[in-house]
């Protein structure tokens, strides 16, 4: 009967065959930013191998040379120092660390996702006056919403961009943190609610590429994928026309329905988008009765609103519960009472929303 060790070896053969058919897109990207990141990975790996390979080789060499059966090996129990070896042992790793540090410093600034592109590909600068394609990205549970402000369209789980045209992604999220990642295009960047991150990239080859969330975000995470189409300008115009022909407008009410959790959503398109929708999503004020974060921060920067501001916090509770689908649950507010000169202890009945946890 074959041993367990032998069975494991046999099982590794078909596994290796399957891996041989994988598309190593990270090492064979189609976008200039991803290509530069690939080069960074390769250079860093080679530099580290300059230390790792000799160490592994010497480990096996010493084990063989000073094995118990080798009685001819010279034994020096009192030897403890060699200036030459010390120089090699310390100078080589130090040189590698300095080289890696320099490469990291340059690459961190050169490949900053917030930095506008200065080239289309190696040896090809961005044409003077070229306008980037702006795509607004919203991570939902568990799907991706894309808004094209210049074209006035919106899509779910599908985007397209012309080849060799700079792209500027503006990225946010509706609920939990996600990670926007198209391996063929550029590295991943986080999508967070109430915040906007940015990514500048360019696609250099036509094709259909996969994008997905690289950050676990709940039950439907594994199906949170979308298609990215790299096309020529004519193909992009045709793709936009298809979205226009689909008809319909993505308004605020439609968005509130769309953001409800769902899994493995099909591609959807809208011909028009309500003005200011992305800004409302970013500032978490899609509902008409919610104060936008930017307005709230502006008020706080000017000293706040005092008592009216506290009333406003309490009144937001119903909107929050409605947004989260909790309208039928007991109301809850951290503003339990409003104090006045004539009523210094406050009265819970003065609060616009009943409170279970007064402050």
Protein backbone atom coordinates (compact mmCIF):
# COMPACT_ATOMS: atom_id res chain seq x y z
CA UNK A 1 0.00 0.00 0.00
CA UNK A 2 1.54 3.35 -1.02
CA UNK A 3 2.66 5.60 1.81
CA UNK A 4 1.03 8.92 2.65
CA UNK A 5 4.18 10.73 1.56
CA UNK A 6 4.05 9.10 -1.87
CA UNK A 7 0.35 9.91 -2.27
CA UNK A 8 1.04 13.54 -1.52
CA UNK A 9 3.70 13.57 -4.19
CA UNK A 10 1.32 12.09 -6.74
CA UNK A 11 -1.37 14.64 -5.88
CA UNK A 12 1.10 17.47 -6.40
CA UNK A 13 1.53 16.56 -10.08
CA UNK A 14 -2.01 17.48 -11.26
CA UNK A 15 -1.96 20.52 -8.98
CA UNK A 16 1.20 21.74 -10.68
CA UNK A 17 -0.38 21.13 -14.08
CA UNK A 18 -3.39 23.25 -13.11
CA UNK A 19 -1.16 26.07 -11.88
CA UNK A 20 0.72 26.01 -15.18
CA UNK A 21 -2.47 27.11 -16.91
CA UNK A 22 -3.03 30.12 -14.63
CA UNK A 23 -2.84 33.60 -16.09
CA UNK A 24 -0.18 35.37 -14.04
CA UNK A 25 -1.64 38.79 -14.83
CA UNK A 26 0.39 40.55 -12.13
CA UNK A 27 3.59 39.57 -13.95
CA UNK A 28 2.08 40.20 -17.39
CA UNK A 29 -0.06 43.34 -17.02
CA UNK A 30 -1.61 45.53 -19.70
CA UNK A 31 -1.29 48.91 -18.00
CA UNK A 32 1.80 51.06 -17.54
CA UNK A 33 1.36 51.53 -13.78
CA UNK A 34 0.94 47.78 -13.25
CA UNK A 35 3.99 47.17 -15.48
CA UNK A 36 6.13 49.49 -13.35
CA UNK A 37 4.87 47.75 -10.22
CA UNK A 38 5.77 44.41 -11.81
CA UNK A 39 9.28 45.66 -12.49
CA UNK A 40 9.56 46.81 -8.88
CA UNK A 41 8.57 43.34 -7.65
CA UNK A 42 11.14 41.66 -9.93
CA UNK A 43 14.01 44.01 -9.03
CA UNK A 44 13.28 43.76 -5.29
CA UNK A 45 13.08 39.97 -5.47
CA UNK A 46 16.38 39.68 -7.36
CA UNK A 47 18.14 41.96 -4.87
CA UNK A 48 16.90 39.89 -1.93
CA UNK A 49 17.88 36.65 -3.66
CA UNK A 50 21.47 37.94 -3.79
CA UNK A 51 21.51 37.29 -0.05
CA UNK A 52 19.05 34.42 0.25
CA UNK A 53 20.61 32.13 -2.38
CA UNK A 54 24.18 32.23 -0.97
CA UNK A 55 22.86 31.69 2.57
CA UNK A 56 20.87 28.62 1.49
CA UNK A 57 23.83 27.31 -0.53
CA UNK A 58 26.27 27.76 2.35
CA UNK A 59 23.84 26.12 4.78
CA UNK A 60 23.82 22.94 2.71
CA UNK A 61 27.57 23.21 2.07
CA UNK A 62 28.39 23.42 5.78
CA UNK A 63 25.98 20.62 6.62
CA UNK A 64 27.69 18.41 4.05
CA UNK A 65 31.25 19.42 4.79
CA UNK A 66 30.99 19.06 8.56
CA UNK A 67 28.80 15.98 8.62
CA UNK A 68 29.60 13.35 11.20
CA UNK A 69 30.96 10.94 8.62
CA UNK A 70 33.54 13.43 7.30
CA UNK A 71 36.49 12.79 9.57
CA UNK A 72 38.82 14.82 7.31
CA UNK A 73 37.10 18.16 8.05
CA UNK A 74 39.26 20.57 10.00
CA UNK A 75 37.89 21.23 13.50
CA UNK A 76 38.79 24.56 15.16
CA UNK A 77 36.80 24.93 18.39
CA UNK A 78 38.66 28.09 19.47
CA UNK A 79 38.14 30.03 16.20
CA UNK A 80 35.78 33.01 16.71
CA UNK A 81 36.76 35.89 14.42
CA UNK A 82 37.61 36.74 10.81
CA UNK A 83 37.81 40.35 9.63
CA UNK A 84 37.27 39.32 6.01
CA UNK A 85 34.15 37.33 6.83
CA UNK A 86 32.81 40.12 9.03
CA UNK A 87 33.15 42.59 6.15
CA UNK A 88 31.34 40.26 3.76
CA UNK A 89 28.62 39.26 6.23
CA UNK A 90 27.75 42.86 7.13
CA UNK A 91 28.58 44.87 4.00
CA UNK A 92 26.60 42.77 1.51
CA UNK A 93 23.25 42.90 3.39
CA UNK A 94 23.82 46.58 4.19
CA UNK A 95 24.35 47.35 0.51
CA UNK A 96 21.18 45.45 -0.39
CA UNK A 97 19.18 47.31 2.27
CA UNK A 98 20.45 50.67 0.99
CA UNK A 99 19.56 49.71 -2.58
CA UNK A 100 16.07 48.52 -1.56
CA UNK A 101 15.55 51.70 0.45
CA UNK A 102 16.49 53.90 -2.50
CA UNK A 103 14.24 51.96 -4.87
CA UNK A 104 11.36 52.09 -2.38
CA UNK A 105 11.74 55.84 -1.91
CA UNK A 106 11.73 56.58 -5.63
CA UNK A 107 8.93 54.13 -6.45
CA UNK A 108 6.71 55.29 -3.58
CA UNK A 109 6.66 58.81 -5.02
CA UNK A 110 6.70 57.82 -8.68
CA UNK A 111 3.81 55.34 -8.33
CA UNK A 112 1.76 57.39 -5.87
CA UNK A 113 -1.87 56.60 -6.89
CA UNK A 114 -2.85 60.23 -6.23
CA UNK A 115 -0.18 61.53 -8.61
CA UNK A 116 -1.44 62.41 -12.12
CA UNK A 117 0.26 60.44 -14.88
CA UNK A 118 3.21 61.94 -16.72
CA UNK A 119 3.54 59.12 -19.24
CA UNK A 120 1.37 56.70 -21.20
CA UNK A 121 4.01 54.00 -21.37
CA UNK A 122 7.79 53.78 -21.39
CA UNK A 123 9.12 56.45 -23.71
CA UNK A 124 5.66 57.98 -24.35
CA UNK A 125 4.70 61.09 -22.40
CA UNK A 126 1.10 62.12 -21.80
CA UNK A 127 0.14 64.48 -24.66
CA UNK A 128 -0.03 68.12 -23.61
CA UNK A 129 -3.57 69.12 -22.76
CA UNK A 130 -4.80 65.51 -22.58
CA UNK A 131 -7.88 65.26 -20.37
CA UNK A 132 -8.15 62.16 -18.17
CA UNK A 133 -11.28 60.05 -18.17
CA UNK A 134 -12.93 60.48 -14.76
CA UNK A 135 -14.67 57.43 -13.30
CA UNK A 136 -16.39 57.65 -9.92
CA UNK A 137 -16.39 54.32 -8.09
CA UNK A 138 -18.70 53.30 -5.25
CA UNK A 139 -18.21 49.99 -3.43
CA UNK A 140 -21.59 48.59 -2.40
CA UNK A 141 -22.67 45.36 -0.69
CA UNK A 142 -21.71 43.35 -2.78
CA UNK A 143 -21.31 45.02 -6.13
CA UNK A 144 -19.58 47.96 -7.79
CA UNK A 145 -21.26 51.15 -9.02
CA UNK A 146 -19.46 53.25 -11.62
CA UNK A 147 -20.44 56.80 -12.55
CA UNK A 148 -19.11 58.62 -15.62
CA UNK A 149 -19.64 62.36 -14.95
CA UNK A 150 -18.40 63.44 -18.39
CA UNK A 151 -20.59 60.95 -20.25
CA UNK A 152 -23.47 61.19 -17.76
CA UNK A 153 -23.98 57.42 -17.46
CA UNK A 154 -23.80 54.84 -14.68
CA UNK A 155 -23.13 51.10 -14.65
CA UNK A 156 -22.99 48.23 -12.20
CA UNK A 157 -20.17 45.67 -12.37
CA UNK A 158 -18.81 46.89 -15.71
CA UNK A 159 -16.51 49.68 -16.86
CA UNK A 160 -14.68 50.58 -20.05
CA UNK A 161 -11.90 52.98 -20.98
CA UNK A 162 -10.08 53.91 -24.19
CA UNK A 163 -6.59 52.54 -24.68
CA UNK A 164 -3.76 55.00 -23.94
CA UNK A 165 -6.03 57.58 -22.31
CA UNK A 166 -5.23 58.51 -18.69
CA UNK A 167 -7.91 57.46 -16.20
CA UNK A 168 -8.68 59.14 -12.89
CA UNK A 169 -10.65 56.98 -10.47
CA UNK A 170 -12.43 58.64 -7.54
CA UNK A 171 -13.26 55.91 -5.07
CA UNK A 172 -15.55 55.68 -2.06
CA UNK A 173 -17.82 53.12 -0.38
CA UNK A 174 -21.33 52.89 0.98
CA UNK A 175 -20.87 50.73 4.08
CA UNK A 176 -17.74 48.77 5.02
CA UNK A 177 -14.23 49.21 3.68
CA UNK A 178 -13.43 47.46 0.40
CA UNK A 179 -10.46 47.41 -1.94
CA UNK A 180 -10.67 48.36 -5.64
CA UNK A 181 -8.29 46.23 -7.69
CA UNK A 182 -7.77 45.59 -11.42
CA UNK A 183 -4.52 43.56 -11.55
CA UNK A 184 -3.93 44.24 -15.26
CA UNK A 185 -4.28 48.00 -14.76
CA UNK A 186 -2.73 49.07 -11.44
CA UNK A 187 -2.37 48.18 -7.78
CA UNK A 188 -5.25 48.01 -5.33
CA UNK A 189 -6.53 50.99 -3.38
CA UNK A 190 -8.99 51.06 -0.50
CA UNK A 191 -12.60 52.24 -0.80
CA UNK A 192 -13.93 53.65 2.48
CA UNK A 193 -17.29 55.21 3.41
CA UNK A 194 -17.22 58.94 3.97
CA UNK A 195 -13.78 59.20 2.35
CA UNK A 196 -12.48 59.53 -1.19
CA UNK A 197 -9.35 57.82 -2.43
CA UNK A 198 -7.89 58.28 -5.90
CA UNK A 199 -6.11 56.19 -8.48
CA UNK A 200 -4.48 57.36 -11.71
CA UNK A 201 -3.81 54.68 -14.31
CA UNK A 202 -3.83 53.90 -18.03
CA UNK A 203 -4.60 50.76 -20.04
CA UNK A 204 -2.21 50.09 -22.93
CA UNK A 205 -3.82 47.09 -24.60
CA UNK A 206 -7.31 46.17 -25.70
CA UNK A 207 -8.99 43.31 -23.88
CA UNK A 208 -11.41 42.24 -21.19
CA UNK A 209 -9.91 42.24 -17.72
CA UNK A 210 -11.18 41.23 -14.30
CA UNK A 211 -11.57 43.56 -11.36
CA UNK A 212 -12.58 42.65 -7.83
CA UNK A 213 -12.45 43.60 -4.17
CA UNK A 214 -9.20 42.56 -2.51
CA UNK A 215 -10.52 43.23 0.99
CA UNK A 216 -12.99 40.91 2.75
CA UNK A 217 -16.30 42.70 3.26
CA UNK A 218 -18.88 40.10 4.20
CA UNK A 219 -21.01 37.25 2.90
CA UNK A 220 -21.06 38.29 -0.78
CA UNK A 221 -17.39 39.21 -0.98
CA UNK A 222 -16.38 36.31 -3.26
CA UNK A 223 -18.83 37.43 -5.96
CA UNK A 224 -17.89 41.11 -5.80
CA UNK A 225 -16.29 41.15 -9.25
CA UNK A 226 -16.61 43.28 -12.37
CA UNK A 227 -15.34 43.47 -15.95
CA UNK A 228 -13.01 46.16 -17.24
CA UNK A 229 -12.94 46.63 -21.02
CA UNK A 230 -9.93 48.22 -22.66
CA UNK A 231 -11.13 49.43 -26.08
CA UNK A 232 -10.24 51.92 -28.79
CA UNK A 233 -12.02 55.28 -28.89
CA UNK A 234 -14.64 54.03 -31.33
CA UNK A 235 -15.33 51.03 -29.11
CA UNK A 236 -15.65 53.28 -26.08
CA UNK A 237 -18.10 55.56 -27.87
CA UNK A 238 -20.14 52.50 -28.81
CA UNK A 239 -20.10 51.26 -25.21
CA UNK A 240 -21.33 54.64 -23.96
CA UNK A 241 -24.08 54.58 -26.61
CA UNK A 242 -25.22 51.17 -25.34
CA UNK A 243 -25.58 52.65 -21.86
CA UNK A 244 -27.50 55.61 -23.26
CA UNK A 245 -29.78 53.27 -25.21
CA UNK A 246 -30.53 51.33 -22.02
CA UNK A 247 -32.50 54.36 -20.80
CA UNK A 248 -33.49 55.20 -17.26
CA UNK A 249 -32.04 57.54 -14.67
CA UNK A 250 -30.16 56.57 -11.54
CA UNK A 251 -31.62 58.96 -8.99
CA UNK A 252 -31.34 59.13 -5.24
CA UNK A 253 -34.29 56.83 -4.60
CA UNK A 254 -32.94 54.35 -7.12
CA UNK A 255 -29.53 54.45 -5.47
CA UNK A 256 -31.03 53.75 -2.04
CA UNK A 257 -32.61 50.62 -3.49
CA UNK A 258 -29.40 49.67 -5.30
CA UNK A 259 -27.22 49.95 -2.20
CA UNK A 260 -29.20 47.29 -0.33
CA UNK A 261 -27.09 44.12 0.09
CA UNK A 262 -27.27 41.70 -2.85
CA UNK A 263 -24.94 39.11 -4.32
CA UNK A 264 -23.64 38.38 -7.83
CA UNK A 265 -25.58 41.18 -9.49
CA UNK A 266 -25.70 41.23 -13.31
CA UNK A 267 -24.40 44.16 -15.33
CA UNK A 268 -26.79 47.12 -15.28
CA UNK A 269 -26.69 50.48 -17.07
CA UNK A 270 -28.39 53.86 -16.74
CA UNK A 271 -28.56 56.56 -19.43
CA UNK A 272 -28.49 59.46 -16.96
CA UNK A 273 -27.49 60.13 -13.37
CA UNK A 274 -29.08 62.53 -10.89
CA UNK A 275 -26.94 65.67 -10.44
CA UNK A 276 -24.69 65.54 -7.40
CA UNK A 277 -25.33 61.86 -6.66
CA UNK A 278 -21.68 60.91 -6.16
CA UNK A 279 -21.08 63.91 -3.90
CA UNK A 280 -24.14 62.91 -1.85
CA UNK A 281 -22.87 59.32 -1.58
CA UNK A 282 -19.42 60.52 -0.54
CA UNK A 283 -20.86 62.86 2.08
CA UNK A 284 -23.41 60.28 3.25
CA UNK A 285 -26.45 62.44 2.61
CA UNK A 286 -28.33 60.69 -0.19
CA UNK A 287 -31.53 60.96 1.84
CA UNK A 288 -33.10 64.41 1.69
CA UNK A 289 -33.33 64.67 5.50
CA UNK A 290 -29.65 63.96 6.19
CA UNK A 291 -27.03 66.64 6.70
CA UNK A 292 -23.99 66.19 4.46
CA UNK A 293 -20.67 65.47 6.16
CA UNK A 294 -19.00 68.42 4.47
CA UNK A 295 -21.67 70.76 5.84
CA UNK A 296 -21.42 69.21 9.29
CA UNK A 297 -17.63 69.61 9.28
CA UNK A 298 -17.96 73.22 8.13
CA UNK A 299 -20.31 73.90 11.05
CA UNK A 300 -17.94 72.19 13.49
CA UNK A 301 -15.02 74.21 12.11
CA UNK A 302 -16.94 77.38 12.94
CA UNK A 303 -17.69 76.33 16.51
CA UNK A 304 -20.78 74.19 16.04
CA UNK A 305 -24.45 75.00 16.39
CA UNK A 306 -24.89 74.47 20.11
CA UNK A 307 -28.40 73.41 21.08
CA UNK A 308 -29.76 73.39 17.48
CA UNK A 309 -26.90 71.11 16.52
CA UNK A 310 -27.81 68.65 19.26
CA UNK A 311 -31.41 68.63 18.07
CA UNK A 312 -30.12 67.95 14.56
CA UNK A 313 -28.09 64.94 15.74
CA UNK A 314 -31.18 63.50 17.37
CA UNK A 315 -33.32 64.10 14.29
CA UNK A 316 -30.86 62.22 12.10
CA UNK A 317 -31.62 59.00 13.92
CA UNK A 318 -34.76 58.18 11.92
CA UNK A 319 -32.93 58.76 8.64
CA UNK A 320 -30.10 56.49 9.69
CA UNK A 321 -32.45 53.72 10.77
CA UNK A 322 -34.42 54.02 7.53
CA UNK A 323 -31.22 53.89 5.48
CA UNK A 324 -30.15 50.71 7.22
CA UNK A 325 -33.58 49.10 6.89
CA UNK A 326 -34.26 49.33 10.64
CA UNK A 327 -37.34 51.54 10.50
CA UNK A 328 -39.45 48.98 12.38
CA UNK A 329 -37.01 48.57 15.25
CA UNK A 330 -37.12 50.61 18.47
CA UNK A 331 -35.77 54.13 18.09
CA UNK A 332 -32.43 54.93 19.68
CA UNK A 333 -30.64 58.22 20.19
CA UNK A 334 -27.66 59.39 22.20
CA UNK A 335 -29.34 62.78 22.66
CA UNK A 336 -31.59 61.99 25.58
CA UNK A 337 -32.63 65.43 26.78
CA UNK A 338 -32.30 69.11 25.97
CA UNK A 339 -31.36 71.43 28.83
CA UNK A 340 -32.55 75.04 29.07
CA UNK A 341 -32.18 77.85 31.60
CA UNK A 342 -35.62 77.16 33.00
CA UNK A 343 -35.15 73.40 32.86
CA UNK A 344 -31.47 72.70 33.68
CA UNK A 345 -32.04 68.98 34.14
CA UNK A 346 -33.56 68.61 30.69
CA UNK A 347 -36.60 66.71 29.61
CA UNK A 348 -36.58 63.59 27.50
CA UNK A 349 -39.83 64.70 25.88
CA UNK A 350 -38.02 67.68 24.37
CA UNK A 351 -35.86 65.43 22.24
CA UNK A 352 -37.12 64.90 18.67
CA UNK A 353 -36.39 61.16 19.02
CA UNK A 354 -37.00 58.95 22.06
CA UNK A 355 -33.81 57.92 23.81
CA UNK A 356 -32.80 54.70 25.49
CA UNK A 357 -29.25 55.85 26.27
CA UNK A 358 -29.30 59.50 27.39
CA UNK A 359 -26.13 61.51 27.72
